[in-house]
Protein backbone atom coordinates (compact mmCIF):
# COMPACT_ATOMS: atom_id res chain seq x y z
CA UNK A 1 35.66 17.91 -23.82
CA UNK A 2 35.11 16.77 -20.26
CA UNK A 3 35.93 19.84 -18.21
CA UNK A 4 37.04 19.05 -14.66
CA UNK A 5 37.42 15.27 -14.36
CA UNK A 6 37.10 13.35 -11.10
CA UNK A 7 40.57 11.85 -10.76
CA UNK A 8 41.11 9.08 -8.27
CA UNK A 9 42.42 11.29 -5.47
CA UNK A 10 40.97 14.65 -6.42
CA UNK A 11 38.49 16.46 -4.20
CA UNK A 12 35.76 18.67 -5.62
CA UNK A 13 33.03 20.79 -4.20
CA UNK A 14 29.63 19.12 -4.27
CA UNK A 15 27.59 21.24 -6.60
CA UNK A 16 24.88 21.03 -9.18
CA UNK A 17 25.09 23.35 -12.17
CA UNK A 18 23.15 23.96 -15.31
CA UNK A 19 25.22 24.97 -18.29
CA UNK A 20 24.69 25.13 -22.04
CA UNK A 21 26.82 23.55 -24.71
CA UNK A 22 26.14 26.29 -27.23
CA UNK A 23 26.01 30.05 -27.06
CA UNK A 24 22.82 31.58 -25.78
CA UNK A 25 20.70 33.89 -27.82
CA UNK A 26 21.29 37.52 -26.91
CA UNK A 27 20.13 38.50 -23.46
CA UNK A 28 18.96 36.28 -20.62
CA UNK A 29 16.08 34.65 -22.45
CA UNK A 30 15.70 30.89 -22.65
CA UNK A 31 15.50 30.92 -26.44
CA UNK A 32 18.30 29.37 -28.41
CA UNK A 33 18.92 27.48 -31.59
CA UNK A 34 17.57 23.99 -32.02
CA UNK A 35 21.11 22.69 -31.65
CA UNK A 36 21.37 23.93 -28.09
CA UNK A 37 21.26 21.37 -25.34
CA UNK A 38 21.28 21.54 -21.56
CA UNK A 39 23.79 19.82 -19.34
CA UNK A 40 23.41 19.12 -15.63
CA UNK A 41 26.86 18.79 -14.07
CA UNK A 42 27.38 17.00 -10.74
CA UNK A 43 30.70 16.80 -8.92
CA UNK A 44 31.08 15.27 -5.50
CA UNK A 45 33.75 15.24 -2.81
CA UNK A 46 35.96 12.17 -2.94
CA UNK A 47 34.20 10.82 0.14
CA UNK A 48 30.88 10.91 -1.67
CA UNK A 49 31.93 9.68 -5.10
CA UNK A 50 34.14 6.63 -5.34
CA UNK A 51 36.72 7.46 -8.03
CA UNK A 52 36.42 5.25 -11.07
CA UNK A 53 38.11 4.82 -14.40
CA UNK A 54 37.59 7.80 -16.68
CA UNK A 55 34.81 7.37 -19.19
CA UNK A 56 34.94 8.74 -22.69
CA UNK A 57 32.50 11.53 -23.45
CA UNK A 58 30.36 11.16 -26.53
CA UNK A 59 27.59 13.03 -28.19
CA UNK A 60 25.10 10.58 -29.55
CA UNK A 61 23.20 12.01 -32.48
CA UNK A 62 22.40 8.76 -34.22
CA UNK A 63 19.24 6.72 -34.46
CA UNK A 64 16.94 5.95 -31.57
CA UNK A 65 18.39 2.44 -31.58
CA UNK A 66 21.91 3.71 -31.00
CA UNK A 67 20.71 6.11 -28.33
CA UNK A 68 18.89 3.33 -26.51
CA UNK A 69 21.97 1.15 -26.63
CA UNK A 70 23.97 3.89 -24.92
CA UNK A 71 21.27 4.40 -22.30
CA UNK A 72 21.07 0.70 -21.58
CA UNK A 73 24.84 0.48 -21.26
CA UNK A 74 24.85 3.37 -18.81
CA UNK A 75 21.91 2.08 -16.79
CA UNK A 76 23.66 -1.26 -16.35
CA UNK A 77 26.66 0.46 -14.84
CA UNK A 78 25.16 2.60 -12.13
CA UNK A 79 24.61 1.71 -8.51
CA UNK A 80 21.14 1.29 -6.88
CA UNK A 81 18.10 3.51 -6.65
CA UNK A 82 17.21 5.61 -9.68
CA UNK A 83 18.45 8.70 -11.46
CA UNK A 84 15.54 10.92 -12.42
CA UNK A 85 15.90 13.90 -14.74
CA UNK A 86 13.04 15.93 -16.09
CA UNK A 87 12.89 18.71 -18.64
CA UNK A 88 10.01 20.42 -20.39
CA UNK A 89 11.87 21.25 -23.59
CA UNK A 90 13.59 19.29 -26.28
CA UNK A 91 16.92 20.50 -27.66
CA UNK A 92 17.66 18.95 -31.02
CA UNK A 93 18.19 15.25 -30.44
CA UNK A 94 18.16 15.51 -26.68
CA UNK A 95 15.78 16.38 -23.86
CA UNK A 96 18.63 16.95 -21.42
CA UNK A 97 22.12 15.68 -20.67
CA UNK A 98 23.71 14.80 -17.37
CA UNK A 99 27.49 15.16 -17.10
CA UNK A 100 29.49 14.16 -14.03
CA UNK A 101 33.11 14.73 -15.05
CA UNK A 102 33.56 11.07 -15.89
CA UNK A 103 31.18 11.02 -18.84
CA UNK A 104 27.89 12.14 -20.27
CA UNK A 105 24.53 10.54 -19.58
CA UNK A 106 22.06 11.36 -22.35
CA UNK A 107 18.43 11.65 -21.33
CA UNK A 108 16.29 11.31 -24.43
CA UNK A 109 12.89 12.59 -25.39
CA UNK A 110 10.49 9.59 -25.24
CA UNK A 111 8.93 10.72 -28.52
CA UNK A 112 12.11 9.47 -30.20
CA UNK A 113 11.33 5.91 -29.18
CA UNK A 114 9.35 4.04 -31.79
CA UNK A 115 7.99 0.58 -32.43
CA UNK A 116 9.70 -2.32 -30.73
CA UNK A 117 12.33 -0.06 -29.20
CA UNK A 118 9.70 1.39 -26.87
CA UNK A 119 8.17 -1.99 -26.05
CA UNK A 120 9.31 -3.34 -22.71
CA UNK A 121 10.82 -0.01 -21.72
CA UNK A 122 7.66 1.94 -20.99
CA UNK A 123 8.00 1.29 -17.28
CA UNK A 124 11.11 3.49 -17.35
CA UNK A 125 9.20 6.49 -18.66
CA UNK A 126 6.72 8.73 -16.90
CA UNK A 127 4.94 12.00 -17.47
CA UNK A 128 5.06 14.55 -14.67
CA UNK A 129 3.53 17.97 -15.15
CA UNK A 130 3.72 17.58 -18.91
CA UNK A 131 7.46 16.96 -18.81
CA UNK A 132 9.34 13.90 -19.97
CA UNK A 133 11.24 11.97 -17.36
CA UNK A 134 13.69 9.17 -17.94
CA UNK A 135 14.39 6.84 -15.05
CA UNK A 136 17.70 4.96 -15.02
CA UNK A 137 17.85 2.13 -12.50
CA UNK A 138 21.20 2.33 -10.78
CA UNK A 139 23.34 -0.77 -10.34
CA UNK A 140 27.04 -1.57 -9.83
CA UNK A 141 30.17 0.25 -11.11
CA UNK A 142 31.63 1.99 -13.10
CA UNK A 143 29.62 5.00 -11.88
CA UNK A 144 28.46 5.11 -8.28
CA UNK A 145 25.86 7.58 -7.20
CA UNK A 146 24.13 7.99 -3.89
CA UNK A 147 20.35 7.90 -3.92
CA UNK A 148 18.01 9.44 -6.44
CA UNK A 149 18.42 12.84 -8.06
CA UNK A 150 15.07 14.41 -8.91
CA UNK A 151 15.36 17.79 -10.60
CA UNK A 152 12.17 19.82 -10.79
CA UNK A 153 11.66 21.14 -14.29
CA UNK A 154 10.73 24.57 -13.02
CA UNK A 155 13.90 24.79 -10.95
CA UNK A 156 16.01 23.60 -13.85
CA UNK A 157 14.56 26.20 -16.20
CA UNK A 158 15.01 28.91 -13.59
CA UNK A 159 18.69 28.06 -13.26
CA UNK A 160 19.10 27.82 -17.01
CA UNK A 161 17.56 31.25 -17.59
CA UNK A 162 19.51 33.03 -14.92
CA UNK A 163 23.10 34.01 -14.53
CA UNK A 164 23.77 34.58 -18.22
CA UNK A 165 27.01 33.33 -19.70
CA UNK A 166 27.63 30.60 -22.14
CA UNK A 167 29.87 27.71 -21.40
CA UNK A 168 31.01 25.06 -23.74
CA UNK A 169 31.71 21.44 -23.27
CA UNK A 170 34.22 22.08 -20.56
CA UNK A 171 31.43 22.79 -18.11
CA UNK A 172 33.80 24.77 -15.97
CA UNK A 173 30.94 26.49 -14.24
CA UNK A 174 31.46 30.01 -15.58
CA UNK A 175 28.08 31.63 -15.08
CA UNK A 176 26.56 28.40 -13.70
CA UNK A 177 24.17 28.78 -10.79
CA UNK A 178 24.74 26.49 -7.80
CA UNK A 179 21.89 24.73 -6.08
CA UNK A 180 21.64 22.30 -3.19
CA UNK A 181 20.12 18.85 -3.15
CA UNK A 182 17.86 17.45 -0.41
CA UNK A 183 17.75 13.67 -0.16
CA UNK A 184 14.31 13.01 1.33
CA UNK A 185 13.83 9.54 2.84
CA UNK A 186 10.21 8.78 3.77
CA UNK A 187 9.36 5.82 6.04
CA UNK A 188 6.43 4.78 8.21
CA UNK A 189 6.47 4.35 11.99
CA UNK A 190 8.10 0.91 11.66
CA UNK A 191 10.80 2.12 9.28
CA UNK A 192 9.33 0.65 6.08
CA UNK A 193 9.84 2.85 3.00
CA UNK A 194 6.80 4.75 1.75
CA UNK A 195 6.75 4.76 -2.04
CA UNK A 196 4.70 7.20 -4.06
CA UNK A 197 4.84 9.98 -1.47
CA UNK A 198 4.60 13.43 -3.07
CA UNK A 199 7.52 15.67 -2.07
CA UNK A 200 6.90 19.35 -2.81
CA UNK A 201 9.25 22.29 -2.42
CA UNK A 202 7.04 24.89 -0.75
CA UNK A 203 6.77 28.50 -1.96
CA UNK A 204 7.83 27.51 -5.48
CA UNK A 205 6.12 26.41 -8.67
CA UNK A 206 8.15 23.21 -8.79
CA UNK A 207 6.06 20.08 -9.35
CA UNK A 208 5.86 17.37 -6.70
CA UNK A 209 8.15 14.37 -7.05
CA UNK A 210 7.19 10.87 -5.92
CA UNK A 211 9.43 8.78 -3.70
CA UNK A 212 10.71 5.56 -5.25
CA UNK A 213 10.38 2.00 -3.95
CA UNK A 214 13.01 2.78 -1.30
CA UNK A 215 11.05 5.83 -0.14
CA UNK A 216 13.68 8.20 -1.57
CA UNK A 217 13.44 11.37 -3.64
CA UNK A 218 16.02 14.12 -4.07
CA UNK A 219 14.88 17.65 -4.70
CA UNK A 220 17.09 20.39 -6.11
CA UNK A 221 16.68 23.93 -4.76
CA UNK A 222 18.77 27.06 -4.16
CA UNK A 223 21.10 26.80 -1.13
CA UNK A 224 19.73 27.87 2.23
CA UNK A 225 16.52 27.20 4.13
CA UNK A 226 13.96 25.04 2.36
CA UNK A 227 10.49 23.90 3.37
CA UNK A 228 9.27 20.56 2.05
CA UNK A 229 5.76 19.10 2.18
CA UNK A 230 5.32 15.34 2.08
CA UNK A 231 1.94 13.76 1.48
CA UNK A 232 0.49 10.41 0.47
CA UNK A 233 -3.01 8.94 0.84
CA UNK A 234 -3.72 7.18 4.16
CA UNK A 235 -0.89 9.03 5.92
CA UNK A 236 -0.89 12.25 7.92
CA UNK A 237 0.88 14.91 5.82
CA UNK A 238 4.13 16.36 7.12
CA UNK A 239 6.10 19.56 6.58
CA UNK A 240 9.84 19.49 7.26
CA UNK A 241 12.54 22.13 7.19
CA UNK A 242 16.02 21.64 5.79
CA UNK A 243 19.09 23.75 5.17
CA UNK A 244 20.56 22.99 1.75
CA UNK A 245 24.19 23.47 0.89
CA UNK A 246 26.30 23.31 -2.25
CA UNK A 247 28.90 21.39 -0.28
CA UNK A 248 26.93 18.21 0.30
CA UNK A 249 23.65 16.40 -0.31
CA UNK A 250 21.43 17.16 2.68
CA UNK A 251 19.73 14.12 4.21
CA UNK A 252 16.11 14.77 5.23
CA UNK A 253 14.53 11.83 7.12
CA UNK A 254 10.74 11.87 7.34
CA UNK A 255 8.53 9.54 9.41
CA UNK A 256 4.88 9.57 8.35
CA UNK A 257 2.13 8.38 10.66
CA UNK A 258 -0.78 6.43 9.24
CA UNK A 259 -4.36 7.65 9.39
CA UNK A 260 -6.73 5.42 11.36
CA UNK A 261 -10.52 5.30 11.47
CA UNK A 262 -13.27 3.60 13.53
CA UNK A 263 -14.34 0.16 12.36
CA UNK A 264 -16.40 -2.81 13.44
CA UNK A 265 -17.49 -6.38 12.98
CA UNK A 266 -20.22 -8.90 13.69
CA UNK A 267 -20.71 -12.02 15.81
CA UNK A 268 -23.52 -14.51 16.02
CA UNK A 269 -25.79 -13.57 18.89
CA UNK A 270 -25.02 -15.50 22.05
CA UNK A 271 -28.60 -15.22 23.32
CA UNK A 272 -31.34 -17.78 22.76
CA UNK A 273 -33.07 -15.61 20.16
CA UNK A 274 -33.36 -17.12 16.68
CA UNK A 275 -34.59 -15.42 13.48
CA UNK A 276 -38.38 -15.35 13.24
CA UNK A 277 -40.33 -15.20 9.97
CA UNK A 278 -43.81 -13.83 9.71
CA UNK A 279 -46.40 -16.41 8.74
CA UNK A 280 -46.68 -14.98 5.24
CA UNK A 281 -42.90 -14.88 4.66
CA UNK A 282 -42.84 -11.12 4.24
CA UNK A 283 -41.09 -10.05 7.44
CA UNK A 284 -38.01 -11.30 9.29
CA UNK A 285 -36.90 -10.41 12.83
CA UNK A 286 -33.36 -11.32 13.89
CA UNK A 287 -30.63 -10.50 16.38
CA UNK A 288 -26.93 -9.82 15.83
CA UNK A 289 -23.99 -8.75 17.98
CA UNK A 290 -21.77 -5.96 16.67
CA UNK A 291 -18.38 -4.88 17.96
CA UNK A 292 -17.28 -1.29 17.37
CA UNK A 293 -13.74 0.03 17.88
CA UNK A 294 -12.49 3.59 17.62
CA UNK A 295 -9.53 4.88 15.67
CA UNK A 296 -7.41 4.05 18.74
CA UNK A 297 -8.45 0.35 18.61
CA UNK A 298 -10.36 0.71 21.89
CA UNK A 299 -13.94 -0.51 22.25
CA UNK A 300 -16.57 2.18 21.70
CA UNK A 301 -19.21 2.19 24.41
CA UNK A 302 -22.08 4.55 25.15
CA UNK A 303 -23.85 4.16 21.80
CA UNK A 304 -27.65 4.09 21.71
CA UNK A 305 -30.21 2.32 19.51
CA UNK A 306 -30.48 5.50 17.43
CA UNK A 307 -26.80 5.16 16.46
CA UNK A 308 -27.50 1.87 14.63
CA UNK A 309 -29.46 1.60 11.40
CA UNK A 310 -30.06 -1.40 9.17
CA UNK A 311 -29.77 -0.28 5.56
CA UNK A 312 -32.27 -1.15 2.83
CA UNK A 313 -31.08 -3.63 0.23
CA UNK A 314 -31.72 -3.41 -3.50
CA UNK A 315 -30.40 -6.09 -5.90
CA UNK A 316 -27.93 -4.88 -8.51
CA UNK A 317 -28.70 -6.33 -11.92
CA UNK A 318 -25.04 -5.99 -12.89
CA UNK A 319 -23.91 -8.25 -10.03
CA UNK A 320 -23.92 -11.96 -10.90
CA UNK A 321 -24.31 -13.11 -7.29
CA UNK A 322 -27.33 -12.25 -5.17
CA UNK A 323 -26.95 -9.02 -3.21
CA UNK A 324 -29.76 -9.31 -0.66
CA UNK A 325 -31.05 -12.88 -0.43
CA UNK A 326 -28.95 -16.00 -1.07
CA UNK A 327 -30.09 -19.60 -1.57
CA UNK A 328 -33.49 -18.35 -2.76
CA UNK A 329 -35.31 -18.81 -6.10
CA UNK A 330 -34.51 -15.15 -6.83
CA UNK A 331 -32.80 -12.23 -5.18
CA UNK A 332 -35.23 -9.81 -3.55
CA UNK A 333 -35.13 -6.28 -2.15
CA UNK A 334 -36.10 -5.46 1.41
CA UNK A 335 -36.46 -2.42 3.67
CA UNK A 336 -34.38 -2.34 6.84
CA UNK A 337 -35.05 -0.92 10.29
CA UNK A 338 -34.61 2.82 10.64
CA UNK A 339 -33.13 2.09 14.07
CA UNK A 340 -32.48 -0.96 16.22
CA UNK A 341 -35.64 -2.22 17.91
CA UNK A 342 -33.67 -3.31 20.94
CA UNK A 343 -30.12 -2.82 22.22
CA UNK A 344 -28.04 -4.41 24.97
CA UNK A 345 -24.36 -3.86 25.78
CA UNK A 346 -22.80 -7.28 26.38
CA UNK A 347 -19.66 -7.09 28.55
CA UNK A 348 -16.47 -8.72 27.33
CA UNK A 349 -15.19 -11.98 28.74
CA UNK A 350 -11.86 -12.53 30.50
CA UNK A 351 -8.91 -12.26 28.10
CA UNK A 352 -6.81 -15.42 27.89
CA UNK A 353 -3.51 -16.12 26.09
CA UNK A 354 -4.00 -17.57 22.62
CA UNK A 355 -2.04 -19.31 19.91
CA UNK A 356 -3.05 -17.57 16.70
CA UNK A 357 -2.56 -18.48 13.06
CA UNK A 358 -2.46 -15.29 10.98
CA UNK A 359 -3.10 -15.57 7.23
CA UNK A 360 -2.32 -12.67 4.89
CA UNK A 361 -3.90 -12.54 1.42
CA UNK A 362 -1.22 -11.90 -1.24
CA UNK A 363 -3.35 -12.45 -4.34
CA UNK A 364 -3.14 -10.09 -7.31
CA UNK A 365 -5.99 -7.81 -6.26
CA UNK A 366 -4.09 -6.75 -3.14
CA UNK A 367 -1.84 -4.53 -5.27
CA UNK A 368 -4.89 -2.32 -5.88
CA UNK A 369 -6.92 -2.63 -2.69
CA UNK A 370 -3.91 -2.19 -0.37
CA UNK A 371 -1.32 -0.42 -2.49
CA UNK A 372 0.41 1.14 0.54
CA UNK A 373 0.56 -2.15 2.47
CA UNK A 374 -1.63 -1.24 5.44
CA UNK A 375 -2.17 -4.97 6.05
CA UNK A 376 1.58 -5.39 6.68
CA UNK A 377 1.75 -2.35 8.94
CA UNK A 378 -1.32 -3.61 10.83
CA UNK A 379 0.30 -7.02 11.26
CA UNK A 380 3.36 -5.35 12.78
CA UNK A 381 1.06 -3.47 15.14
CA UNK A 382 -0.64 -6.69 16.18
CA UNK A 383 2.53 -8.68 16.90
CA UNK A 384 4.19 -5.68 18.58
CA UNK A 385 1.37 -5.58 21.14
CA UNK A 386 1.02 -9.24 22.03
CA UNK A 387 -0.14 -9.89 25.57
CA UNK A 388 1.95 -12.20 27.78
CA UNK A 389 1.50 -15.79 26.64
CA UNK A 390 0.19 -14.92 23.17
CA UNK A 391 2.02 -16.33 20.16
CA UNK A 392 1.34 -15.84 16.47
CA UNK A 393 2.16 -18.18 13.57
CA UNK A 394 2.23 -16.09 10.39
CA UNK A 395 1.66 -17.18 6.80
CA UNK A 396 0.83 -15.57 3.45
CA UNK A 397 -1.31 -17.19 0.76
CA UNK A 398 -1.72 -17.04 -3.02
CA UNK A 399 -1.17 -19.42 -5.91
CA UNK A 400 -1.79 -19.96 -9.60
CA UNK A 401 -0.83 -17.84 -12.56
CA UNK A 402 1.02 -14.69 -11.48
CA UNK A 403 1.59 -15.78 -7.89
CA UNK A 404 4.91 -14.57 -6.48
CA UNK A 405 5.09 -16.31 -3.12
CA UNK A 406 7.99 -18.78 -2.88
CA UNK A 407 5.79 -21.58 -1.46
CA UNK A 408 2.19 -22.00 -2.60
CA UNK A 409 -0.58 -21.95 -1.63
CA UNK A 410 0.90 -20.79 1.69
CA UNK A 411 4.32 -19.43 2.61
CA UNK A 412 5.15 -19.67 6.31
CA UNK A 413 6.71 -16.51 7.77
CA UNK A 414 7.56 -17.86 11.21
CA UNK A 415 6.26 -17.84 14.77
CA UNK A 416 6.31 -14.72 16.94
CA UNK A 417 6.66 -16.06 20.47
CA UNK A 418 6.27 -12.69 22.24
CA UNK A 419 6.12 -8.99 21.44
CA UNK A 420 9.84 -8.52 22.08
CA UNK A 421 10.52 -10.78 19.07
CA UNK A 422 8.18 -8.85 16.76
CA UNK A 423 10.87 -6.60 15.15
CA UNK A 424 12.71 -9.71 13.96
CA UNK A 425 9.84 -10.35 11.55
CA UNK A 426 9.44 -6.86 10.11
CA UNK A 427 11.81 -7.52 7.21
CA UNK A 428 9.96 -10.71 6.29
CA UNK A 429 6.71 -8.80 6.24
CA UNK A 430 8.22 -5.99 4.16
CA UNK A 431 9.24 -8.52 1.50
CA UNK A 432 5.54 -9.27 0.96
CA UNK A 433 5.10 -5.74 -0.40
CA UNK A 434 6.64 -6.98 -3.65
CA UNK A 435 5.05 -10.43 -3.69
CA UNK A 436 1.39 -9.86 -4.53
CA UNK A 437 -0.04 -11.78 -7.46
CA UNK A 438 -2.05 -14.84 -8.40
CA UNK A 439 -5.28 -16.39 -7.17
CA UNK A 440 -6.95 -16.66 -3.74
CA UNK A 441 -6.82 -20.22 -2.30
CA UNK A 442 -8.80 -19.17 0.76
CA UNK A 443 -10.20 -22.49 1.95
CA UNK A 444 -7.04 -24.49 1.26
CA UNK A 445 -4.93 -21.96 3.16
CA UNK A 446 -7.23 -22.01 6.19
CA UNK A 447 -6.95 -25.81 6.27
CA UNK A 448 -3.16 -25.65 5.96
CA UNK A 449 -2.79 -23.10 8.76
CA UNK A 450 -5.16 -25.03 11.00
CA UNK A 451 -3.01 -28.14 10.63
CA UNK A 452 0.06 -26.03 11.41
CA UNK A 453 -1.18 -24.47 14.66
CA UNK A 454 -2.78 -27.68 15.89
CA UNK A 455 0.07 -30.05 15.04
CA UNK A 456 3.17 -27.96 15.86
CA UNK A 457 4.60 -29.44 19.07
CA UNK A 458 6.71 -26.32 19.70
CA UNK A 459 3.60 -24.22 20.36
CA UNK A 460 2.21 -23.91 23.89
CA UNK A 461 0.16 -27.07 24.58
CA UNK A 462 -3.40 -26.75 25.82
CA UNK A 463 -3.65 -23.07 24.88
CA UNK A 464 -6.76 -21.91 22.99
CA UNK A 465 -6.28 -21.80 19.22
CA UNK A 466 -7.68 -19.20 16.85
CA UNK A 467 -7.06 -18.06 13.31
CA UNK A 468 -7.16 -14.60 11.73
CA UNK A 469 -7.76 -14.56 7.98
CA UNK A 470 -7.29 -11.32 6.05
CA UNK A 471 -8.59 -11.15 2.47
CA UNK A 472 -9.94 -8.68 -0.07
CA UNK A 473 -11.76 -11.19 -2.24
CA UNK A 474 -13.31 -14.63 -2.56
CA UNK A 475 -11.96 -18.14 -2.87
CA UNK A 476 -10.87 -18.66 -6.47
CA UNK A 477 -11.51 -22.39 -6.59
CA UNK A 478 -15.03 -23.11 -5.40
CA UNK A 479 -17.48 -22.91 -8.29
CA UNK A 480 -21.14 -22.10 -7.74
CA UNK A 481 -23.08 -21.45 -4.57
CA UNK A 482 -23.68 -25.09 -3.64
CA UNK A 483 -20.06 -26.11 -4.25
CA UNK A 484 -18.73 -23.17 -2.25
CA UNK A 485 -21.13 -23.79 0.61
CA UNK A 486 -20.07 -27.44 0.82
CA UNK A 487 -16.35 -26.59 0.73
CA UNK A 488 -16.87 -23.86 3.35
CA UNK A 489 -18.72 -26.27 5.62
CA UNK A 490 -15.81 -28.71 5.40
CA UNK A 491 -13.48 -25.96 6.61
CA UNK A 492 -15.84 -25.05 9.45
CA UNK A 493 -16.30 -28.68 10.54
CA UNK A 494 -12.54 -29.22 10.65
CA UNK A 495 -12.02 -26.01 12.63
CA UNK A 496 -14.68 -27.04 15.13
CA UNK A 497 -13.18 -30.50 15.49
CA UNK A 498 -9.83 -28.92 16.38
CA UNK A 499 -11.41 -26.20 18.57
CA UNK A 500 -10.05 -23.43 16.33
CA UNK A 501 -12.14 -20.27 16.15
CA UNK A 502 -11.95 -18.30 12.91
CA UNK A 503 -11.79 -14.52 12.76
CA UNK A 504 -12.08 -13.09 9.27
CA UNK A 505 -11.10 -9.58 8.16
CA UNK A 506 -12.55 -8.40 4.86
CA UNK A 507 -11.22 -5.38 2.98
CA UNK A 508 -13.25 -3.58 0.29
CA UNK A 509 -16.63 -4.28 -1.26
CA UNK A 510 -15.40 -7.25 -3.29
CA UNK A 511 -15.42 -9.73 -0.42
CA UNK A 512 -17.97 -12.53 -0.11
CA UNK A 513 -19.86 -11.43 2.99
CA UNK A 514 -21.79 -14.69 3.22
CA UNK A 515 -18.61 -16.78 3.16
CA UNK A 516 -16.55 -14.69 5.60
CA UNK A 517 -19.49 -14.27 7.97
CA UNK A 518 -20.33 -17.99 7.92
CA UNK A 519 -16.70 -19.06 8.46
CA UNK A 520 -16.44 -16.78 11.48
CA UNK A 521 -19.79 -17.05 13.21
CA UNK A 522 -20.19 -20.82 12.71
CA UNK A 523 -16.82 -21.45 14.35
CA UNK A 524 -17.41 -19.09 17.28
CA UNK A 525 -15.37 -16.20 15.94
CA UNK A 526 -16.17 -12.82 14.38
CA UNK A 527 -16.16 -11.20 10.96
CA UNK A 528 -14.46 -7.80 10.88
CA UNK A 529 -14.80 -5.40 7.98
CA UNK A 530 -12.83 -2.47 6.59
CA UNK A 531 -14.28 -0.16 3.94
CA UNK A 532 -10.83 1.41 3.69
CA UNK A 533 -7.27 0.59 4.70
CA UNK A 534 -7.44 3.24 7.44
CA UNK A 535 -9.71 0.88 9.38
CA UNK A 536 -7.32 -2.07 9.32
CA UNK A 537 -4.99 -0.81 12.06
CA UNK A 538 -7.74 -0.47 14.72
CA UNK A 539 -9.18 -3.87 13.76
CA UNK A 540 -5.83 -5.64 14.07
CA UNK A 541 -5.15 -3.74 17.27
CA UNK A 542 -8.33 -5.13 18.85
CA UNK A 543 -7.69 -8.76 17.95
CA UNK A 544 -5.74 -9.62 21.11
CA UNK A 545 -8.85 -9.05 23.20
CA UNK A 546 -11.37 -10.16 20.60
CA UNK A 547 -9.85 -13.67 20.46
CA UNK A 548 -11.30 -14.27 23.91
CA UNK A 549 -14.46 -12.30 23.05
CA UNK A 550 -13.01 -9.84 25.53
CA UNK A 551 -14.48 -6.73 23.88
CA UNK A 552 -17.96 -5.51 24.78
CA UNK A 553 -20.51 -5.96 21.99
CA UNK A 554 -23.88 -4.47 21.13
CA UNK A 555 -26.68 -7.01 20.92
CA UNK A 556 -29.20 -5.55 18.49
CA UNK A 557 -32.58 -6.63 17.18
CA UNK A 558 -33.57 -5.63 13.65
CA UNK A 559 -36.51 -6.25 11.30
CA UNK A 560 -36.64 -6.35 7.52
CA UNK A 561 -39.68 -6.20 5.24
CA UNK A 562 -39.71 -7.65 1.71
CA UNK A 563 -42.87 -5.74 0.73
CA UNK A 564 -44.75 -8.91 -0.24
CA UNK A 565 -45.39 -12.37 1.11
CA UNK A 566 -43.67 -15.61 0.22
CA UNK A 567 -40.14 -14.16 0.14
CA UNK A 568 -38.35 -15.34 3.28
CA UNK A 569 -38.06 -19.10 3.77
CA UNK A 570 -36.01 -21.60 5.73
CA UNK A 571 -32.50 -22.29 4.46
CA UNK A 572 -32.01 -18.84 2.95
CA UNK A 573 -29.30 -16.33 3.90
CA UNK A 574 -29.97 -12.62 4.24
CA UNK A 575 -27.08 -10.27 3.43
CA UNK A 576 -27.36 -7.16 5.58
CA UNK A 577 -25.40 -4.03 6.39
CA UNK A 578 -25.61 -1.98 9.56
CA UNK A 579 -24.59 1.66 9.58
CA UNK A 580 -23.22 2.96 12.86
CA UNK A 581 -22.73 6.56 13.93
CA UNK A 582 -19.48 6.69 15.91
CA UNK A 583 -18.95 10.22 17.21
CA UNK A 584 -19.90 11.71 13.85
CA UNK A 585 -18.03 9.07 11.82
CA UNK A 586 -19.87 6.47 9.77
CA UNK A 587 -18.95 2.81 10.17
CA UNK A 588 -20.49 0.19 7.88
CA UNK A 589 -20.67 -3.39 9.14
CA UNK A 590 -21.87 -6.08 6.71
CA UNK A 591 -23.03 -9.45 8.00
CA UNK A 592 -25.10 -12.47 7.03
CA UNK A 593 -28.12 -14.01 8.76
CA UNK A 594 -29.16 -17.59 8.16
CA UNK A 595 -32.89 -18.33 8.28
CA UNK A 596 -33.57 -21.58 10.20
């Protein structure tokens, strides 16, 4: 029934074969009776497969409940990663069957799962190219596999249709066609696994397979030279070559580089100019300083007034908060300047060592806005490029229902005393990839980190303090504009009292521009903004100099027109967005302007 079994000391060729357990229909066609089923047979050399106690082979043709029980029993007995099998056809009670010489693993058609049996197990099923795939999460003995086996349906059918020959349960390989297996391991430049990368076998019709949480996917193909394409959003695609063999699983390491893009931020003007309203309250003139960095995190200079435009603002009726004018009786549209009325390049100041508190938002929305963990990669970039004397105290924040951080609202990750120590913290940062969830205690976390960097006696005394706050949303706990403004002012007053400048980094259009801009500019810092995760790396890379206001900035003067009198008044806040042309690339920089 088993064919060639893997005895404790036996050695076998490493091969992958497709055989049938019933006679084929005449000829080489793929048609057969409904009773026919496919079997994928894997045998490994003794060095690759740890011999284990022989398992009994069974054919399960009972109810879905019995089949699930067998699957669950098998999945609890297999070592790490995941075993992925895919087939486009159903054969009687089975979609496909994996046999390894020690036993049979039955991969079922998901249509057989009904009612409560399917509930709670849907995360194990997926649809790829119209084919059913069952994913078994591998754990400890009795069976021990290495990595993930991902068999393209097209390749499986090709093997099944070729070579002729029958083959019974023995699976002896008569007429079986051998193929090699490439174990593709995809990581980023810091060695973190890249999940969800599409791995495609070039020059074939095989569908792409996604890497798992460990960045691993195995692709079956005929022995010999193989070309593989690896792609994932926000990374530069790669093409790698491999030579596959039936004698072993071929390891294919792939390092993907992240895509970067120009970005920018805003500061309060450091000149004596203050916003000026027209006498009828229709027009407002104001000044702002913008910092622009290229994809290489270096300051962009040489821009002209024509490269800066202040966008018009139109309230969105579907947005509960005001879009253009805050703290006013009603939101109101305005027309922005087609180009800056005046421009001045302000040189950067001398760069000094800083003690920095770095806060990383781990609330639930992060799983969508930063699915590929660019914030963690950017943090590694920042701490790996610390200037002499710089030190960074790192923390992550989230709390409430669904939060997964071990300490809430803030989990301390440790202090990076110099760039040589940065790699010691990479693993701690990687853990955060699986710890997003919960609410956004923004203000409470800023207060907690401020206390940490001011009161920790182990940090360099007398060194300037600053804080970097990354978020993709708004504080979950202040209710209403007045309440939020009061709570925000408390945070600003405490930061000022402790001489801590705040630098905020907002990701996506869901941030509260007024809040992040006010926190930063009122404390002497800057608000940085990323439309996309590709802009995070340059922003983080510029922080070492920006802490000291060491990057040159553009001091710009803009005008806005409400189209009627009586609109602009003291105490209001204008929400604005500048659009910058950076060597043909568009950079959007939102900011807020308070009207005195």
